[in-house]
């Protein structure tokens, strides 16, 4: 029979491991792009945008198209950030999805 002490130890180990994974993920970067690379966004594993690069040719187009490209590139980078975290959590949990972790 598993005691409460064992459950708490396991919970503490999982929390420490999650904290470690989040720190590691925060140090990693992903790149999202749109318009064939006309707009490139770099985000870290915390979902923070680190840089936005816009090809000068994209700035010559209409502003609404440029805004759409920036939004698409940001969403691409953030999607990749979620994928990165999902992969790290999957490694931690041995492939078992745990509700509430993502």
N, C-alpha and C. Protein backbone atom coordinates (compact mmCIF):
# COMPACT_ATOMS: atom_id res chain seq x y z
N UNK A 1 0.85 -1.19 0.00
CA UNK A 1 0.00 0.00 0.00
C UNK A 1 0.89 1.24 0.00
N UNK A 2 0.50 2.20 -0.79
CA UNK A 2 1.26 3.45 -0.89
C UNK A 2 0.75 4.41 0.17
N UNK A 3 1.69 4.92 0.96
CA UNK A 3 1.30 5.84 2.01
C UNK A 3 1.28 7.28 1.54
N UNK A 4 0.71 8.13 2.35
CA UNK A 4 0.63 9.55 2.04
C UNK A 4 2.02 10.15 1.89
N UNK A 5 2.96 9.70 2.70
CA UNK A 5 4.33 10.19 2.61
C UNK A 5 4.95 9.90 1.25
N UNK A 6 4.68 8.70 0.73
CA UNK A 6 5.19 8.33 -0.60
C UNK A 6 4.56 9.20 -1.69
N UNK A 7 3.28 9.44 -1.55
CA UNK A 7 2.58 10.26 -2.54
C UNK A 7 3.15 11.68 -2.52
N UNK A 8 3.38 12.23 -1.33
CA UNK A 8 3.94 13.57 -1.23
C UNK A 8 5.35 13.64 -1.80
N UNK A 9 6.16 12.61 -1.53
CA UNK A 9 7.52 12.56 -2.08
C UNK A 9 7.48 12.56 -3.60
N UNK A 10 6.60 11.73 -4.16
CA UNK A 10 6.47 11.66 -5.61
C UNK A 10 5.99 12.99 -6.18
N UNK A 11 5.04 13.62 -5.51
CA UNK A 11 4.53 14.91 -5.98
C UNK A 11 5.64 15.96 -5.95
N UNK A 12 6.46 15.93 -4.91
CA UNK A 12 7.58 16.88 -4.82
C UNK A 12 8.60 16.61 -5.92
N UNK A 13 8.86 15.34 -6.21
CA UNK A 13 9.80 15.00 -7.28
C UNK A 13 9.28 15.47 -8.63
N UNK A 14 7.99 15.26 -8.87
CA UNK A 14 7.40 15.68 -10.14
C UNK A 14 7.43 17.20 -10.26
N UNK A 15 7.12 17.91 -9.17
CA UNK A 15 7.16 19.37 -9.21
C UNK A 15 8.57 19.85 -9.48
N UNK A 16 9.56 19.27 -8.83
CA UNK A 16 10.95 19.68 -9.05
C UNK A 16 11.35 19.41 -10.50
N UNK A 17 10.92 18.28 -11.02
CA UNK A 17 11.23 17.94 -12.41
C UNK A 17 10.54 18.90 -13.37
N UNK A 18 9.29 19.25 -13.09
CA UNK A 18 8.57 20.21 -13.92
C UNK A 18 9.26 21.58 -13.89
N UNK A 19 9.69 22.01 -12.71
CA UNK A 19 10.41 23.28 -12.60
C UNK A 19 11.69 23.24 -13.43
N UNK A 20 12.39 22.12 -13.38
CA UNK A 20 13.62 21.97 -14.15
C UNK A 20 13.32 22.03 -15.64
N UNK A 21 12.28 21.31 -16.07
CA UNK A 21 11.91 21.31 -17.48
C UNK A 21 11.52 22.70 -17.96
N UNK A 22 10.78 23.43 -17.14
CA UNK A 22 10.37 24.78 -17.52
C UNK A 22 11.58 25.69 -17.63
N UNK A 23 12.54 25.53 -16.74
CA UNK A 23 13.77 26.33 -16.83
C UNK A 23 14.54 25.99 -18.09
N UNK A 24 14.66 24.71 -18.39
CA UNK A 24 15.36 24.29 -19.60
C UNK A 24 14.63 24.80 -20.84
N UNK A 25 13.32 24.69 -20.85
CA UNK A 25 12.54 25.15 -22.00
C UNK A 25 12.67 26.65 -22.18
N UNK A 26 12.73 27.38 -21.08
CA UNK A 26 12.86 28.84 -21.16
C UNK A 26 14.16 29.23 -21.85
N UNK A 27 15.18 28.40 -21.73
CA UNK A 27 16.47 28.69 -22.33
C UNK A 27 16.50 28.34 -23.82
N UNK A 28 15.53 27.56 -24.27
CA UNK A 28 15.48 27.16 -25.68
C UNK A 28 14.69 28.19 -26.48
N UNK A 29 14.97 28.24 -27.78
CA UNK A 29 14.22 29.15 -28.64
C UNK A 29 13.63 28.38 -29.81
N UNK A 30 12.55 28.94 -30.32
CA UNK A 30 11.91 28.42 -31.52
C UNK A 30 11.72 29.60 -32.47
N UNK A 31 11.59 29.27 -33.75
CA UNK A 31 11.42 30.32 -34.75
C UNK A 31 10.15 30.05 -35.54
N UNK A 32 9.34 31.08 -35.65
CA UNK A 32 8.14 31.00 -36.48
C UNK A 32 8.29 31.97 -37.63
N UNK A 33 7.67 31.63 -38.75
CA UNK A 33 7.78 32.53 -39.89
C UNK A 33 6.49 32.53 -40.69
N UNK A 34 6.38 33.53 -41.55
CA UNK A 34 5.21 33.65 -42.43
C UNK A 34 5.66 34.35 -43.71
N UNK A 35 4.85 34.16 -44.74
CA UNK A 35 5.15 34.82 -46.01
C UNK A 35 6.44 34.34 -46.63
N UNK A 36 6.71 33.04 -46.50
CA UNK A 36 7.94 32.52 -47.08
C UNK A 36 9.19 33.09 -46.44
N UNK A 37 9.11 33.43 -45.16
CA UNK A 37 10.26 33.98 -44.44
C UNK A 37 10.33 35.50 -44.47
N UNK A 38 9.29 36.14 -45.00
CA UNK A 38 9.29 37.61 -45.03
C UNK A 38 9.21 38.18 -43.61
N UNK A 39 8.55 37.44 -42.71
CA UNK A 39 8.48 37.83 -41.30
C UNK A 39 8.91 36.63 -40.48
N UNK A 40 9.87 36.85 -39.59
CA UNK A 40 10.39 35.78 -38.73
C UNK A 40 10.32 36.24 -37.28
N UNK A 41 9.81 35.36 -36.43
CA UNK A 41 9.67 35.66 -35.00
C UNK A 41 10.40 34.59 -34.22
N UNK A 42 11.19 35.01 -33.23
CA UNK A 42 11.87 34.08 -32.34
C UNK A 42 11.25 34.21 -30.96
N UNK A 43 10.88 33.06 -30.37
CA UNK A 43 10.28 33.03 -29.04
C UNK A 43 11.07 32.04 -28.19
N UNK A 44 11.02 32.26 -26.88
CA UNK A 44 11.65 31.29 -25.98
C UNK A 44 10.61 30.30 -25.49
N UNK A 45 11.06 29.33 -24.71
CA UNK A 45 10.18 28.28 -24.22
C UNK A 45 9.14 28.76 -23.22
N UNK A 46 9.26 30.00 -22.77
CA UNK A 46 8.25 30.57 -21.87
C UNK A 46 7.15 31.25 -22.67
N UNK A 47 7.29 31.25 -24.00
CA UNK A 47 6.29 31.89 -24.83
C UNK A 47 6.50 33.39 -24.96
N UNK A 48 7.69 33.86 -24.62
CA UNK A 48 8.01 35.28 -24.76
C UNK A 48 8.63 35.52 -26.13
N UNK A 49 8.22 36.57 -26.80
CA UNK A 49 8.77 36.92 -28.10
C UNK A 49 10.10 37.62 -27.87
N UNK A 50 11.16 37.08 -28.49
CA UNK A 50 12.49 37.64 -28.31
C UNK A 50 12.89 38.58 -29.44
N UNK A 51 12.42 38.28 -30.65
CA UNK A 51 12.75 39.16 -31.76
C UNK A 51 11.75 39.00 -32.89
N UNK A 52 11.64 40.05 -33.67
CA UNK A 52 10.80 40.06 -34.87
C UNK A 52 11.66 40.65 -35.99
N UNK A 53 11.78 39.90 -37.09
CA UNK A 53 12.53 40.38 -38.24
C UNK A 53 11.57 40.49 -39.42
N UNK A 54 11.60 41.64 -40.07
CA UNK A 54 10.73 41.88 -41.21
C UNK A 54 11.60 42.20 -42.42
N UNK A 55 11.43 41.42 -43.46
CA UNK A 55 12.13 41.67 -44.72
C UNK A 55 11.69 43.05 -45.23
N UNK A 56 12.64 43.90 -45.63
CA UNK A 56 12.27 45.22 -46.13
C UNK A 56 11.24 45.18 -47.26
N UNK A 57 11.24 44.12 -48.05
CA UNK A 57 10.26 44.00 -49.12
C UNK A 57 8.84 43.88 -48.57
N UNK A 58 8.70 43.23 -47.42
CA UNK A 58 7.38 43.08 -46.81
C UNK A 58 6.84 44.43 -46.35
N UNK A 59 7.73 45.31 -45.95
CA UNK A 59 7.31 46.64 -45.49
C UNK A 59 6.81 47.50 -46.64
N UNK A 60 7.16 47.11 -47.86
CA UNK A 60 6.70 47.86 -49.03
C UNK A 60 5.26 47.51 -49.40
N UNK A 61 4.77 46.39 -48.90
CA UNK A 61 3.40 45.96 -49.18
C UNK A 61 2.43 46.76 -48.31
N UNK A 62 1.14 46.49 -48.49
CA UNK A 62 0.18 47.23 -47.67
C UNK A 62 0.28 46.80 -46.20
N UNK A 63 -0.05 47.72 -45.34
CA UNK A 63 0.13 47.53 -43.90
C UNK A 63 -0.72 46.37 -43.37
N UNK A 64 -1.91 46.17 -43.90
CA UNK A 64 -2.75 45.08 -43.43
C UNK A 64 -2.12 43.73 -43.72
N UNK A 65 -1.48 43.59 -44.89
CA UNK A 65 -0.82 42.33 -45.19
C UNK A 65 0.37 42.10 -44.25
N UNK A 66 1.11 43.15 -43.97
CA UNK A 66 2.24 43.05 -43.05
C UNK A 66 1.76 42.67 -41.66
N UNK A 67 0.69 43.27 -41.22
CA UNK A 67 0.13 42.93 -39.90
C UNK A 67 -0.28 41.46 -39.86
N UNK A 68 -0.90 40.97 -40.92
CA UNK A 68 -1.29 39.57 -40.99
C UNK A 68 -0.06 38.65 -40.95
N UNK A 69 1.00 39.04 -41.65
CA UNK A 69 2.23 38.23 -41.64
C UNK A 69 2.85 38.19 -40.26
N UNK A 70 2.88 39.32 -39.57
CA UNK A 70 3.44 39.36 -38.22
C UNK A 70 2.61 38.48 -37.29
N UNK A 71 1.30 38.60 -37.37
CA UNK A 71 0.43 37.79 -36.52
C UNK A 71 0.63 36.29 -36.81
N UNK A 72 0.71 35.93 -38.08
CA UNK A 72 0.91 34.52 -38.44
C UNK A 72 2.25 34.01 -37.95
N UNK A 73 3.29 34.81 -38.06
CA UNK A 73 4.62 34.39 -37.60
C UNK A 73 4.65 34.23 -36.08
N UNK A 74 4.00 35.15 -35.36
CA UNK A 74 3.94 35.05 -33.89
C UNK A 74 3.18 33.79 -33.50
N UNK A 75 2.04 33.54 -34.13
CA UNK A 75 1.27 32.35 -33.81
C UNK A 75 2.04 31.07 -34.12
N UNK A 76 2.81 31.08 -35.20
CA UNK A 76 3.64 29.93 -35.54
C UNK A 76 4.70 29.69 -34.46
N UNK A 77 5.35 30.75 -34.01
CA UNK A 77 6.37 30.62 -32.96
C UNK A 77 5.75 30.13 -31.65
N UNK A 78 4.60 30.66 -31.29
CA UNK A 78 3.95 30.24 -30.05
C UNK A 78 3.47 28.79 -30.13
N UNK A 79 2.99 28.36 -31.30
CA UNK A 79 2.59 26.96 -31.48
C UNK A 79 3.81 26.06 -31.28
N UNK A 80 4.94 26.46 -31.83
CA UNK A 80 6.16 25.67 -31.68
C UNK A 80 6.63 25.65 -30.23
N UNK A 81 6.40 26.73 -29.50
CA UNK A 81 6.73 26.76 -28.07
C UNK A 81 5.88 25.74 -27.32
N UNK A 82 4.58 25.70 -27.62
CA UNK A 82 3.70 24.71 -26.97
C UNK A 82 4.14 23.29 -27.30
N UNK A 83 4.53 23.07 -28.55
CA UNK A 83 5.02 21.74 -28.96
C UNK A 83 6.28 21.36 -28.19
N UNK A 84 7.18 22.33 -28.03
CA UNK A 84 8.42 22.08 -27.29
C UNK A 84 8.11 21.67 -25.86
N UNK A 85 7.22 22.41 -25.19
CA UNK A 85 6.85 22.08 -23.82
C UNK A 85 6.14 20.74 -23.75
N UNK A 86 5.29 20.46 -24.71
CA UNK A 86 4.58 19.18 -24.74
C UNK A 86 5.57 18.02 -24.86
N UNK A 87 6.58 18.18 -25.70
CA UNK A 87 7.61 17.13 -25.85
C UNK A 87 8.38 16.93 -24.56
N UNK A 88 8.72 18.03 -23.89
CA UNK A 88 9.47 17.93 -22.63
C UNK A 88 8.63 17.25 -21.56
N UNK A 89 7.35 17.61 -21.48
CA UNK A 89 6.46 17.01 -20.48
C UNK A 89 6.25 15.53 -20.80
N UNK A 90 6.13 15.21 -22.07
CA UNK A 90 5.97 13.82 -22.48
C UNK A 90 7.18 12.99 -22.05
N UNK A 91 8.36 13.58 -22.18
CA UNK A 91 9.58 12.90 -21.72
C UNK A 91 9.51 12.64 -20.23
N UNK A 92 9.05 13.64 -19.49
CA UNK A 92 8.96 13.52 -18.03
C UNK A 92 7.95 12.46 -17.62
N UNK A 93 6.82 12.43 -18.29
CA UNK A 93 5.74 11.53 -17.89
C UNK A 93 5.79 10.19 -18.58
N UNK A 94 6.83 9.99 -19.38
CA UNK A 94 6.96 8.71 -20.09
C UNK A 94 5.90 8.52 -21.15
N UNK A 95 5.40 9.63 -21.70
CA UNK A 95 4.41 9.56 -22.76
C UNK A 95 2.98 9.57 -22.27
N UNK A 96 2.78 9.48 -20.98
CA UNK A 96 1.42 9.53 -20.45
C UNK A 96 1.02 10.98 -20.28
N UNK A 97 -0.11 11.35 -20.84
CA UNK A 97 -0.60 12.71 -20.67
C UNK A 97 -1.18 12.88 -19.28
N UNK A 98 -0.79 13.93 -18.61
CA UNK A 98 -1.36 14.21 -17.30
C UNK A 98 -2.21 15.46 -17.40
N UNK A 99 -3.49 15.37 -17.05
CA UNK A 99 -4.38 16.51 -17.16
C UNK A 99 -3.85 17.71 -16.39
N UNK A 100 -3.99 18.89 -17.01
CA UNK A 100 -3.61 20.12 -16.32
C UNK A 100 -2.16 20.53 -16.49
N UNK A 101 -1.34 19.68 -17.13
CA UNK A 101 0.06 20.06 -17.30
C UNK A 101 0.29 20.94 -18.51
N UNK A 102 -0.65 20.94 -19.43
CA UNK A 102 -0.52 21.78 -20.62
C UNK A 102 -1.80 22.53 -20.84
